[in-house]
Amino acid sequence: MDNLLSGRRVLVVEDEMLVLLNIEDMLADLGCTSVSAAATVDQALALIEAQGFDAAMVDVNLDRGKSYAVADALAARGVPFLFSTGYSGQSLKDGYRDRPVLGKPYRNAELAEALVRLLRLPGVRT
């Protein structure tokens, strides 16, 4: 699975530092060129405004609320994204339930498969 995401720029919106560090390590192992991290909606929106991303993973529940404004900003720019959550995908608000959901906890292979599917890259059987 090494380098499946070679050259890709990924935004990770996650407010739990240990989870974020683990995701960054996983994405680096998968060959991502750039991993940008945000722990709040405001940080994520600023990064989306300032940079371009190939994909994003967005934790539904952030410390101070939901991340739907981030999802809306990514969708407006055509950036494919998935939600990550410890809850079921059914807990998503109407209008967002059609988005891919990666349930926590997940392994490297599950993260890789989800992002490859999101980016429609060859190389991983799903």
C-alpha atoms as a PDB file:
ATOM      1  CA  MET A   1       0.000   0.000   0.000  1.00  0.00           C
ATOM      2  CA  ASP A   2       3.027   2.288   0.085  1.00  0.00           C
ATOM      3  CA  ASN A   3       2.812   5.404  -2.069  1.00  0.00           C
ATOM      4  CA  LEU A   4      -0.807   4.870  -3.118  1.00  0.00           C
ATOM      5  CA  LEU A   5      -1.391   8.562  -2.496  1.00  0.00           C
ATOM      6  CA  SER A   6       1.921   9.786  -3.880  1.00  0.00           C
ATOM      7  CA  GLY A   7       1.838  13.464  -4.710  1.00  0.00           C
ATOM      8  CA  ARG A   8      -1.549  14.064  -3.111  1.00  0.00           C
ATOM      9  CA  ARG A   9      -2.430  16.956  -0.820  1.00  0.00           C
ATOM     10  CA  VAL A  10      -4.869  16.039   1.926  1.00  0.00           C
ATOM     11  CA  LEU A  11      -6.666  18.151   4.507  1.00  0.00           C
ATOM     12  CA  VAL A  12      -7.430  16.454   7.825  1.00  0.00           C
ATOM     13  CA  VAL A  13      -9.954  18.098  10.139  1.00  0.00           C
ATOM     14  CA  GLU A  14      -9.650  16.402  13.523  1.00  0.00           C
ATOM     15  CA  ASP A  15      -9.705  17.875  17.026  1.00  0.00           C
ATOM     16  CA  GLU A  16      -8.137  14.975  18.953  1.00  0.00           C
ATOM     17  CA  MET A  17      -4.371  15.394  18.792  1.00  0.00           C
ATOM     18  CA  LEU A  18      -3.429  11.713  19.166  1.00  0.00           C
ATOM     19  CA  VAL A  19      -5.879  10.703  16.446  1.00  0.00           C
ATOM     20  CA  LEU A  20      -4.561  13.487  14.216  1.00  0.00           C
ATOM     21  CA  LEU A  21      -0.942  12.424  14.696  1.00  0.00           C
ATOM     22  CA  ASN A  22      -1.866   8.845  13.823  1.00  0.00           C
ATOM     23  CA  ILE A  23      -3.680   9.967  10.658  1.00  0.00           C
ATOM     24  CA  GLU A  24      -0.727  12.119   9.613  1.00  0.00           C
ATOM     25  CA  ASP A  25       1.594   9.124  10.035  1.00  0.00           C
ATOM     26  CA  MET A  26      -0.740   6.892   8.023  1.00  0.00           C
ATOM     27  CA  LEU A  27      -0.987   9.429   5.204  1.00  0.00           C
ATOM     28  CA  ALA A  28       2.779   9.931   5.137  1.00  0.00           C
ATOM     29  CA  ASP A  29       3.211   6.149   4.869  1.00  0.00           C
ATOM     30  CA  LEU A  30       0.805   6.213   1.922  1.00  0.00           C
ATOM     31  CA  GLY A  31       2.977   8.792   0.157  1.00  0.00           C
ATOM     32  CA  CYS A  32       1.028  12.019   0.578  1.00  0.00           C
ATOM     33  CA  THR A  33       3.071  15.031  -0.421  1.00  0.00           C
ATOM     34  CA  SER A  34       1.267  17.335   1.956  1.00  0.00           C
ATOM     35  CA  VAL A  35      -0.987  16.800   4.943  1.00  0.00           C
ATOM     36  CA  SER A  36      -2.568  19.929   6.382  1.00  0.00           C
ATOM     37  CA  ALA A  37      -4.353  19.698   9.704  1.00  0.00           C
ATOM     38  CA  ALA A  38      -7.063  21.745  11.350  1.00  0.00           C
ATOM     39  CA  ALA A  39      -8.637  21.241  14.756  1.00  0.00           C
ATOM     40  CA  THR A  40     -11.467  23.765  14.379  1.00  0.00           C
ATOM     41  CA  VAL A  41     -13.951  24.838  11.735  1.00  0.00           C
ATOM     42  CA  ASP A  42     -12.298  28.264  11.488  1.00  0.00           C
ATOM     43  CA  GLN A  43      -8.835  26.750  10.978  1.00  0.00           C
ATOM     44  CA  ALA A  44     -10.182  24.401   8.316  1.00  0.00           C
ATOM     45  CA  LEU A  45     -12.004  27.180   6.462  1.00  0.00           C
ATOM     46  CA  ALA A  46      -8.846  29.323   6.457  1.00  0.00           C
ATOM     47  CA  LEU A  47      -6.803  26.434   5.019  1.00  0.00           C
ATOM     48  CA  ILE A  48      -9.432  25.728   2.349  1.00  0.00           C
ATOM     49  CA  GLU A  49      -9.378  29.390   1.358  1.00  0.00           C
ATOM     50  CA  ALA A  50      -5.568  29.525   1.220  1.00  0.00           C
ATOM     51  CA  GLN A  51      -4.648  26.167  -0.332  1.00  0.00           C
ATOM     52  CA  GLY A  52      -5.778  23.587  -2.822  1.00  0.00           C
ATOM     53  CA  PHE A  53      -6.421  19.998  -1.750  1.00  0.00           C
ATOM     54  CA  ASP A  54      -6.876  16.752  -3.631  1.00  0.00           C
ATOM     55  CA  ALA A  55      -9.015  15.276  -0.862  1.00  0.00           C
ATOM     56  CA  ALA A  56     -10.057  15.791   2.730  1.00  0.00           C
ATOM     57  CA  MET A  57     -11.204  13.813   5.716  1.00  0.00           C
ATOM     58  CA  VAL A  58     -13.433  15.653   8.140  1.00  0.00           C
ATOM     59  CA  ASP A  59     -14.345  14.584  11.657  1.00  0.00           C
ATOM     60  CA  VAL A  60     -18.076  15.208  12.038  1.00  0.00           C
ATOM     61  CA  ASN A  61     -17.896  16.174  15.714  1.00  0.00           C
ATOM     62  CA  LEU A  62     -15.388  18.831  16.637  1.00  0.00           C
ATOM     63  CA  ASP A  63     -14.917  20.163  20.148  1.00  0.00           C
ATOM     64  CA  ARG A  64     -17.221  23.106  19.627  1.00  0.00           C
ATOM     65  CA  GLY A  65     -19.825  21.590  17.342  1.00  0.00           C
ATOM     66  CA  LYS A  66     -20.309  20.022  13.928  1.00  0.00           C
ATOM     67  CA  SER A  67     -18.104  20.396  10.857  1.00  0.00           C
ATOM     68  CA  TYR A  68     -20.790  20.875   8.210  1.00  0.00           C
ATOM     69  CA  ALA A  69     -19.491  24.345   7.251  1.00  0.00           C
ATOM     70  CA  VAL A  70     -16.175  22.684   6.325  1.00  0.00           C
ATOM     71  CA  ALA A  71     -18.016  20.085   4.242  1.00  0.00           C
ATOM     72  CA  ASP A  72     -19.914  22.855   2.447  1.00  0.00           C
ATOM     73  CA  ALA A  73     -16.694  24.771   1.667  1.00  0.00           C
ATOM     74  CA  LEU A  74     -15.007  21.638   0.313  1.00  0.00           C
ATOM     75  CA  ALA A  75     -18.039  20.744  -1.811  1.00  0.00           C
ATOM     76  CA  ALA A  76     -18.193  24.292  -3.208  1.00  0.00           C
ATOM     77  CA  ARG A  77     -14.588  23.916  -4.393  1.00  0.00           C
ATOM     78  CA  GLY A  78     -15.099  20.439  -5.785  1.00  0.00           C
ATOM     79  CA  VAL A  79     -12.741  18.795  -3.277  1.00  0.00           C
ATOM     80  CA  PRO A  80     -13.730  15.177  -2.623  1.00  0.00           C
ATOM     81  CA  PHE A  81     -14.038  14.443   1.077  1.00  0.00           C
ATOM     82  CA  LEU A  82     -15.164  11.845   3.522  1.00  0.00           C
ATOM     83  CA  PHE A  83     -16.457  12.120   7.030  1.00  0.00           C
ATOM     84  CA  SER A  84     -14.774  10.277   9.854  1.00  0.00           C
ATOM     85  CA  THR A  85     -16.777   9.549  12.956  1.00  0.00           C
ATOM     86  CA  GLY A  86     -17.091   7.253  15.912  1.00  0.00           C
ATOM     87  CA  TYR A  87     -20.840   7.260  15.338  1.00  0.00           C
ATOM     88  CA  SER A  88     -22.802   5.636  12.529  1.00  0.00           C
ATOM     89  CA  GLY A  89     -23.200   7.359   9.182  1.00  0.00           C
ATOM     90  CA  GLN A  90     -26.894   7.561  10.022  1.00  0.00           C
ATOM     91  CA  SER A  91     -26.029  10.245  12.574  1.00  0.00           C
ATOM     92  CA  LEU A  92     -25.171  12.653   9.752  1.00  0.00           C
ATOM     93  CA  LYS A  93     -27.524  15.544   9.135  1.00  0.00           C
ATOM     94  CA  ASP A  94     -29.844  15.400   6.120  1.00  0.00           C
ATOM     95  CA  GLY A  95     -28.052  16.546   2.994  1.00  0.00           C
ATOM     96  CA  TYR A  96     -24.777  14.913   4.048  1.00  0.00           C
ATOM     97  CA  ARG A  97     -25.748  11.241   4.281  1.00  0.00           C
ATOM     98  CA  ASP A  98     -24.635  10.542   0.720  1.00  0.00           C
ATOM     99  CA  ARG A  99     -21.012  11.309   1.613  1.00  0.00           C
ATOM    100  CA  PRO A 100     -18.554   8.504   2.354  1.00  0.00           C
ATOM    101  CA  VAL A 101     -18.073   7.746   6.046  1.00  0.00           C
ATOM    102  CA  LEU A 102     -15.016   6.136   7.614  1.00  0.00           C
ATOM    103  CA  GLY A 103     -15.906   4.739  11.012  1.00  0.00           C
ATOM    104  CA  LYS A 104     -13.478   5.144  13.885  1.00  0.00           C
ATOM    105  CA  PRO A 105     -11.356   3.337  14.795  1.00  0.00           C
ATOM    106  CA  TYR A 106      -9.895   2.293  11.449  1.00  0.00           C
ATOM    107  CA  ARG A 107      -6.685   0.703  10.217  1.00  0.00           C
ATOM    108  CA  ASN A 108      -4.207   1.986   7.625  1.00  0.00           C
ATOM    109  CA  ALA A 109      -5.681  -0.282   4.960  1.00  0.00           C
ATOM    110  CA  GLU A 110      -9.211   1.023   5.588  1.00  0.00           C
ATOM    111  CA  LEU A 111      -8.029   4.629   5.382  1.00  0.00           C
ATOM    112  CA  ALA A 112      -6.113   3.894   2.181  1.00  0.00           C
ATOM    113  CA  GLU A 113      -9.090   2.138   0.583  1.00  0.00           C
ATOM    114  CA  ALA A 114     -11.441   4.973   1.516  1.00  0.00           C
ATOM    115  CA  LEU A 115      -9.163   7.662   0.084  1.00  0.00           C
ATOM    116  CA  VAL A 116      -8.356   5.675  -3.048  1.00  0.00           C
ATOM    117  CA  ARG A 117     -12.083   5.170  -3.627  1.00  0.00           C
ATOM    118  CA  LEU A 118     -12.673   8.862  -2.966  1.00  0.00           C
ATOM    119  CA  LEU A 119     -10.032   9.818  -5.523  1.00  0.00           C
ATOM    120  CA  ARG A 120     -10.990   6.931  -7.842  1.00  0.00           C
ATOM    121  CA  LEU A 121      -7.398   5.768  -8.086  1.00  0.00           C
ATOM    122  CA  PRO A 122      -6.486   2.317  -9.386  1.00  0.00           C
ATOM    123  CA  GLY A 123      -4.616  -0.130  -7.222  1.00  0.00           C
ATOM    124  CA  VAL A 124      -6.832  -1.130  -4.328  1.00  0.00           C
ATOM    125  CA  ARG A 125      -9.549  -3.738  -4.420  1.00  0.00           C
ATOM    126  CA  THR A 126     -12.632  -2.676  -2.538  1.00  0.00           C
END
